[in-house]
Amino acid sequence: MSTQYFGTGSFLANATITAFRAVVISTNGGVGLSATAGSVDGIAQIDAASGDYVTVKFLNQGGTQKGTLVGAPVTVGDTIYANASGQVGPAGTVIIGKSLTTADTDGAIIEFIAKNL
């Protein structure tokens, strides 16, 4: 039996995950935080303890997303990249979108236009 998702999905958290962190689907069907050079499948929408279910908004749906900033500052129009521990920032190797927010503090929640992966 297959499952189809439209916009969001619910997955088992393989570790503690904080809302607005980038995640990747694991081989066990759960999700974990994305790594710096890893791919990003979506953004966690809620906090979840390891073993709980977490709602994930997929990047391939387009539209806007929220992410936890690292490597501040960021300004509107900056390219946004995946960073360590599921954070997003203005530098990296995996592009995931374009900033709609100006922020100068690490840990700030920013909004960005998701790149359709």
N, C-alpha and C. Protein backbone atom coordinates (compact mmCIF):
# COMPACT_ATOMS: atom_id res chain seq x y z
N MET A 1 0.85 -1.17 0.00
CA MET A 1 0.00 0.00 0.00
C MET A 1 0.90 1.23 0.00
N SER A 2 0.54 2.22 -0.79
CA SER A 2 1.34 3.45 -0.83
C SER A 2 0.59 4.58 -0.13
N THR A 3 1.36 5.58 0.24
CA THR A 3 0.80 6.76 0.89
C THR A 3 1.07 7.97 0.02
N GLN A 4 0.13 8.87 -0.06
CA GLN A 4 0.34 10.12 -0.79
C GLN A 4 0.13 11.28 0.15
N TYR A 5 0.99 12.30 0.02
CA TYR A 5 0.92 13.49 0.87
C TYR A 5 0.68 14.70 -0.01
N PHE A 6 -0.04 15.65 0.51
CA PHE A 6 -0.21 16.92 -0.17
C PHE A 6 0.13 18.03 0.81
N GLY A 7 1.30 18.61 0.68
CA GLY A 7 1.71 19.72 1.53
C GLY A 7 2.44 19.33 2.79
N THR A 8 1.84 18.48 3.61
CA THR A 8 2.48 18.05 4.86
C THR A 8 2.30 16.56 5.05
N GLY A 9 3.14 16.02 5.93
CA GLY A 9 3.04 14.62 6.31
C GLY A 9 3.42 14.47 7.76
N SER A 10 3.05 13.37 8.36
CA SER A 10 3.37 13.10 9.75
C SER A 10 4.34 11.93 9.79
N PHE A 11 5.49 12.13 10.47
CA PHE A 11 6.54 11.12 10.49
C PHE A 11 7.04 10.92 11.92
N LEU A 12 7.55 9.74 12.18
CA LEU A 12 8.17 9.44 13.46
C LEU A 12 9.49 10.19 13.55
N ALA A 13 9.71 10.89 14.66
CA ALA A 13 10.96 11.63 14.87
C ALA A 13 12.04 10.65 15.35
N ASN A 14 13.15 10.58 14.61
CA ASN A 14 14.25 9.69 14.99
C ASN A 14 15.11 10.28 16.10
N ALA A 15 14.92 11.55 16.39
CA ALA A 15 15.64 12.27 17.46
C ALA A 15 14.73 13.42 17.88
N THR A 16 15.11 14.13 18.92
CA THR A 16 14.36 15.32 19.31
C THR A 16 14.47 16.36 18.19
N ILE A 17 13.33 16.89 17.78
CA ILE A 17 13.30 17.86 16.69
C ILE A 17 12.54 19.09 17.16
N THR A 18 13.13 20.25 16.91
CA THR A 18 12.51 21.52 17.25
C THR A 18 11.79 22.07 16.02
N ALA A 19 10.66 22.72 16.23
CA ALA A 19 9.90 23.32 15.13
C ALA A 19 10.79 24.24 14.30
N PHE A 20 10.53 24.26 13.02
CA PHE A 20 11.19 25.10 12.03
C PHE A 20 12.64 24.71 11.78
N ARG A 21 12.95 23.42 11.97
CA ARG A 21 14.25 22.87 11.60
C ARG A 21 14.06 22.00 10.36
N ALA A 22 15.06 22.01 9.48
CA ALA A 22 15.03 21.21 8.26
C ALA A 22 15.25 19.74 8.60
N VAL A 23 14.47 18.89 7.95
CA VAL A 23 14.56 17.45 8.21
C VAL A 23 14.69 16.68 6.90
N VAL A 24 15.15 15.45 7.04
CA VAL A 24 15.28 14.53 5.91
C VAL A 24 14.65 13.20 6.31
N ILE A 25 13.99 12.56 5.37
CA ILE A 25 13.37 11.27 5.62
C ILE A 25 14.45 10.20 5.65
N SER A 26 14.42 9.35 6.65
CA SER A 26 15.41 8.29 6.84
C SER A 26 14.94 6.98 6.22
N THR A 27 15.84 6.03 6.15
CA THR A 27 15.51 4.72 5.57
C THR A 27 14.46 3.97 6.38
N ASN A 28 14.28 4.33 7.66
CA ASN A 28 13.26 3.67 8.48
C ASN A 28 11.89 4.32 8.35
N GLY A 29 11.78 5.35 7.48
CA GLY A 29 10.51 6.03 7.27
C GLY A 29 10.26 7.16 8.25
N GLY A 30 11.17 7.35 9.19
CA GLY A 30 11.09 8.48 10.12
C GLY A 30 11.85 9.67 9.56
N VAL A 31 12.00 10.70 10.38
CA VAL A 31 12.76 11.87 9.95
C VAL A 31 13.80 12.23 11.01
N GLY A 32 14.88 12.82 10.53
CA GLY A 32 15.92 13.34 11.39
C GLY A 32 16.34 14.70 10.89
N LEU A 33 17.11 15.42 11.69
CA LEU A 33 17.60 16.72 11.27
C LEU A 33 18.51 16.58 10.07
N SER A 34 18.41 17.51 9.13
CA SER A 34 19.29 17.46 7.97
C SER A 34 20.69 17.91 8.37
N ALA A 35 21.67 17.40 7.66
CA ALA A 35 23.07 17.77 7.91
C ALA A 35 23.48 18.88 6.95
N THR A 36 24.63 19.47 7.19
CA THR A 36 25.10 20.58 6.37
C THR A 36 25.10 20.25 4.89
N ALA A 37 25.68 19.12 4.51
CA ALA A 37 25.80 18.79 3.10
C ALA A 37 24.69 17.87 2.62
N GLY A 38 23.76 17.55 3.51
CA GLY A 38 22.69 16.63 3.15
C GLY A 38 21.54 17.32 2.44
N SER A 39 20.66 16.52 1.93
CA SER A 39 19.47 17.07 1.29
C SER A 39 18.43 17.41 2.35
N VAL A 40 17.47 18.21 1.96
CA VAL A 40 16.38 18.61 2.84
C VAL A 40 15.07 18.19 2.18
N ASP A 41 14.24 17.47 2.92
CA ASP A 41 12.95 17.07 2.39
C ASP A 41 11.83 18.01 2.82
N GLY A 42 11.98 18.61 4.00
CA GLY A 42 10.95 19.51 4.48
C GLY A 42 11.37 20.18 5.77
N ILE A 43 10.41 20.91 6.36
CA ILE A 43 10.64 21.66 7.59
C ILE A 43 9.65 21.17 8.64
N ALA A 44 10.17 20.82 9.83
CA ALA A 44 9.31 20.42 10.94
C ALA A 44 8.43 21.60 11.35
N GLN A 45 7.16 21.34 11.56
CA GLN A 45 6.21 22.39 11.91
C GLN A 45 5.94 22.49 13.40
N ILE A 46 6.32 21.45 14.15
CA ILE A 46 6.09 21.42 15.60
C ILE A 46 7.31 20.81 16.29
N ASP A 47 7.43 21.01 17.60
CA ASP A 47 8.45 20.34 18.39
C ASP A 47 8.03 18.88 18.58
N ALA A 48 9.02 17.98 18.57
CA ALA A 48 8.71 16.56 18.81
C ALA A 48 9.88 15.89 19.52
N ALA A 49 9.56 15.09 20.52
CA ALA A 49 10.57 14.27 21.20
C ALA A 49 10.86 13.06 20.32
N SER A 50 12.01 12.46 20.53
CA SER A 50 12.36 11.25 19.81
C SER A 50 11.27 10.20 20.06
N GLY A 51 10.77 9.60 18.98
CA GLY A 51 9.72 8.59 19.10
C GLY A 51 8.32 9.14 18.94
N ASP A 52 8.17 10.47 18.99
CA ASP A 52 6.87 11.10 18.75
C ASP A 52 6.70 11.37 17.25
N TYR A 53 5.52 11.73 16.87
CA TYR A 53 5.28 12.10 15.48
C TYR A 53 5.43 13.61 15.31
N VAL A 54 5.98 14.00 14.16
CA VAL A 54 6.20 15.40 13.85
C VAL A 54 5.59 15.70 12.48
N THR A 55 4.95 16.85 12.36
CA THR A 55 4.40 17.29 11.09
C THR A 55 5.50 17.95 10.28
N VAL A 56 5.63 17.54 9.02
CA VAL A 56 6.66 18.06 8.13
C VAL A 56 5.99 18.70 6.92
N LYS A 57 6.34 19.96 6.64
CA LYS A 57 5.88 20.65 5.43
C LYS A 57 6.97 20.46 4.37
N PHE A 58 6.63 19.82 3.26
CA PHE A 58 7.60 19.48 2.24
C PHE A 58 8.06 20.70 1.44
N LEU A 59 9.35 20.73 1.10
CA LEU A 59 9.88 21.82 0.29
C LEU A 59 9.35 21.79 -1.13
N ASN A 60 9.07 20.61 -1.66
CA ASN A 60 8.65 20.53 -3.05
C ASN A 60 7.26 21.09 -3.30
N GLN A 61 6.58 21.53 -2.26
CA GLN A 61 5.26 22.14 -2.42
C GLN A 61 5.35 23.61 -2.81
N GLY A 62 6.58 24.17 -2.78
CA GLY A 62 6.73 25.58 -3.08
C GLY A 62 6.15 26.42 -1.97
N GLY A 63 5.85 27.66 -2.26
CA GLY A 63 5.32 28.55 -1.25
C GLY A 63 6.39 28.96 -0.26
N THR A 64 5.96 29.44 0.90
CA THR A 64 6.93 29.89 1.89
C THR A 64 7.07 28.88 3.02
N GLN A 65 8.21 28.95 3.68
CA GLN A 65 8.52 28.12 4.83
C GLN A 65 9.10 29.02 5.90
N LYS A 66 9.18 28.50 7.12
CA LYS A 66 9.90 29.17 8.19
C LYS A 66 11.06 28.28 8.58
N GLY A 67 12.18 28.90 8.94
CA GLY A 67 13.36 28.15 9.34
C GLY A 67 14.09 28.84 10.47
N THR A 68 14.93 28.09 11.18
CA THR A 68 15.73 28.62 12.28
C THR A 68 17.07 29.06 11.73
N LEU A 69 17.40 30.33 11.90
CA LEU A 69 18.58 30.95 11.30
C LEU A 69 19.86 30.65 12.06
N VAL A 70 20.93 30.39 11.32
CA VAL A 70 22.28 30.31 11.84
C VAL A 70 23.17 31.04 10.83
N GLY A 71 24.20 31.69 11.31
CA GLY A 71 25.07 32.43 10.40
C GLY A 71 24.55 33.81 10.09
N ALA A 72 23.79 34.39 11.05
CA ALA A 72 23.23 35.72 10.86
C ALA A 72 24.36 36.71 10.52
N PRO A 73 24.07 37.78 9.82
CA PRO A 73 22.75 38.28 9.45
C PRO A 73 22.28 37.73 8.11
N VAL A 74 20.98 37.94 7.87
CA VAL A 74 20.38 37.62 6.59
C VAL A 74 19.45 38.78 6.24
N THR A 75 19.34 39.09 4.96
CA THR A 75 18.44 40.16 4.52
C THR A 75 17.48 39.62 3.48
N VAL A 76 16.42 40.35 3.25
CA VAL A 76 15.44 39.98 2.25
C VAL A 76 16.15 39.82 0.90
N GLY A 77 15.87 38.71 0.23
CA GLY A 77 16.46 38.44 -1.08
C GLY A 77 17.69 37.56 -1.04
N ASP A 78 18.28 37.34 0.15
CA ASP A 78 19.45 36.46 0.25
C ASP A 78 19.07 35.03 -0.08
N THR A 79 19.99 34.31 -0.72
CA THR A 79 19.81 32.88 -0.94
C THR A 79 19.96 32.17 0.40
N ILE A 80 19.08 31.19 0.65
CA ILE A 80 19.08 30.45 1.91
C ILE A 80 19.55 29.02 1.65
N TYR A 81 20.45 28.55 2.53
CA TYR A 81 21.05 27.22 2.40
C TYR A 81 20.73 26.36 3.62
N ALA A 82 20.77 25.04 3.44
CA ALA A 82 20.68 24.10 4.56
C ALA A 82 21.98 24.19 5.35
N ASN A 83 21.89 24.14 6.65
CA ASN A 83 23.06 24.17 7.53
C ASN A 83 22.96 23.05 8.56
N ALA A 84 23.95 22.95 9.41
CA ALA A 84 24.01 21.89 10.42
C ALA A 84 22.82 21.94 11.37
N SER A 85 22.48 20.80 11.91
CA SER A 85 21.40 20.65 12.90
C SER A 85 20.05 21.14 12.41
N GLY A 86 19.82 21.06 11.09
CA GLY A 86 18.53 21.43 10.53
C GLY A 86 18.28 22.92 10.45
N GLN A 87 19.30 23.73 10.66
CA GLN A 87 19.13 25.17 10.59
C GLN A 87 19.33 25.64 9.15
N VAL A 88 18.95 26.90 8.89
CA VAL A 88 19.11 27.50 7.57
C VAL A 88 19.94 28.77 7.71
N GLY A 89 20.62 29.15 6.64
CA GLY A 89 21.44 30.35 6.73
C GLY A 89 21.85 30.88 5.38
N PRO A 90 22.60 32.01 5.37
CA PRO A 90 22.99 32.68 4.14
C PRO A 90 24.23 32.08 3.48
N ALA A 91 24.77 30.98 4.00
CA ALA A 91 25.93 30.33 3.41
C ALA A 91 25.77 28.82 3.51
N GLY A 92 26.33 28.09 2.56
CA GLY A 92 26.27 26.64 2.58
C GLY A 92 26.43 26.08 1.19
N THR A 93 26.04 24.82 1.01
CA THR A 93 26.16 24.17 -0.30
C THR A 93 24.82 23.75 -0.89
N VAL A 94 23.81 23.48 -0.06
CA VAL A 94 22.50 23.04 -0.55
C VAL A 94 21.52 24.20 -0.46
N ILE A 95 21.17 24.78 -1.62
CA ILE A 95 20.23 25.91 -1.67
C ILE A 95 18.82 25.39 -1.43
N ILE A 96 18.10 26.07 -0.50
CA ILE A 96 16.71 25.66 -0.26
C ILE A 96 15.71 26.78 -0.45
N GLY A 97 16.18 28.02 -0.73
CA GLY A 97 15.22 29.09 -0.97
C GLY A 97 15.82 30.47 -0.96
N LYS A 98 14.91 31.46 -0.83
CA LYS A 98 15.27 32.88 -0.82
C LYS A 98 14.58 33.56 0.36
N SER A 99 15.34 34.34 1.11
CA SER A 99 14.82 34.97 2.33
C SER A 99 13.77 36.04 2.05
N LEU A 100 12.73 36.03 2.88
CA LEU A 100 11.72 37.09 2.88
C LEU A 100 11.83 37.91 4.15
N THR A 101 12.88 37.64 4.95
CA THR A 101 13.04 38.25 6.26
C THR A 101 14.43 38.83 6.40
N THR A 102 14.53 39.94 7.12
CA THR A 102 15.82 40.47 7.54
C THR A 102 15.96 40.16 9.03
N ALA A 103 17.08 39.52 9.40
CA ALA A 103 17.32 39.16 10.80
C ALA A 103 18.81 39.20 11.06
N ASP A 104 19.17 39.58 12.29
CA ASP A 104 20.59 39.67 12.63
C ASP A 104 20.98 38.84 13.85
N THR A 105 20.13 37.89 14.22
CA THR A 105 20.38 37.08 15.40
C THR A 105 20.28 35.59 15.08
N ASP A 106 21.33 34.83 15.41
CA ASP A 106 21.24 33.39 15.28
C ASP A 106 20.09 32.87 16.15
N GLY A 107 19.34 31.92 15.63
CA GLY A 107 18.20 31.38 16.35
C GLY A 107 16.88 32.05 15.98
N ALA A 108 16.96 33.16 15.23
CA ALA A 108 15.74 33.84 14.79
C ALA A 108 14.98 32.92 13.82
N ILE A 109 13.67 33.02 13.83
CA ILE A 109 12.84 32.29 12.88
C ILE A 109 12.62 33.20 11.69
N ILE A 110 13.07 32.75 10.49
CA ILE A 110 12.91 33.56 9.29
C ILE A 110 11.94 32.87 8.34
N GLU A 111 11.36 33.66 7.46
CA GLU A 111 10.49 33.12 6.43
C GLU A 111 11.26 33.16 5.11
N PHE A 112 11.09 32.10 4.31
CA PHE A 112 11.77 32.07 3.01
C PHE A 112 10.88 31.40 1.97
N ILE A 113 11.12 31.79 0.71
CA ILE A 113 10.45 31.14 -0.42
C ILE A 113 11.18 29.84 -0.65
N ALA A 114 10.49 28.74 -0.55
CA ALA A 114 11.12 27.43 -0.71
C ALA A 114 11.44 27.17 -2.17
N LYS A 115 12.65 26.69 -2.42
CA LYS A 115 13.05 26.28 -3.75
C LYS A 115 12.35 24.97 -4.05
N ASN A 116 11.76 24.86 -5.20
CA ASN A 116 11.07 23.64 -5.58
C ASN A 116 12.11 22.59 -5.97
N LEU A 117 12.41 21.69 -5.04
CA LEU A 117 13.47 20.69 -5.25
C LEU A 117 13.02 19.56 -6.14
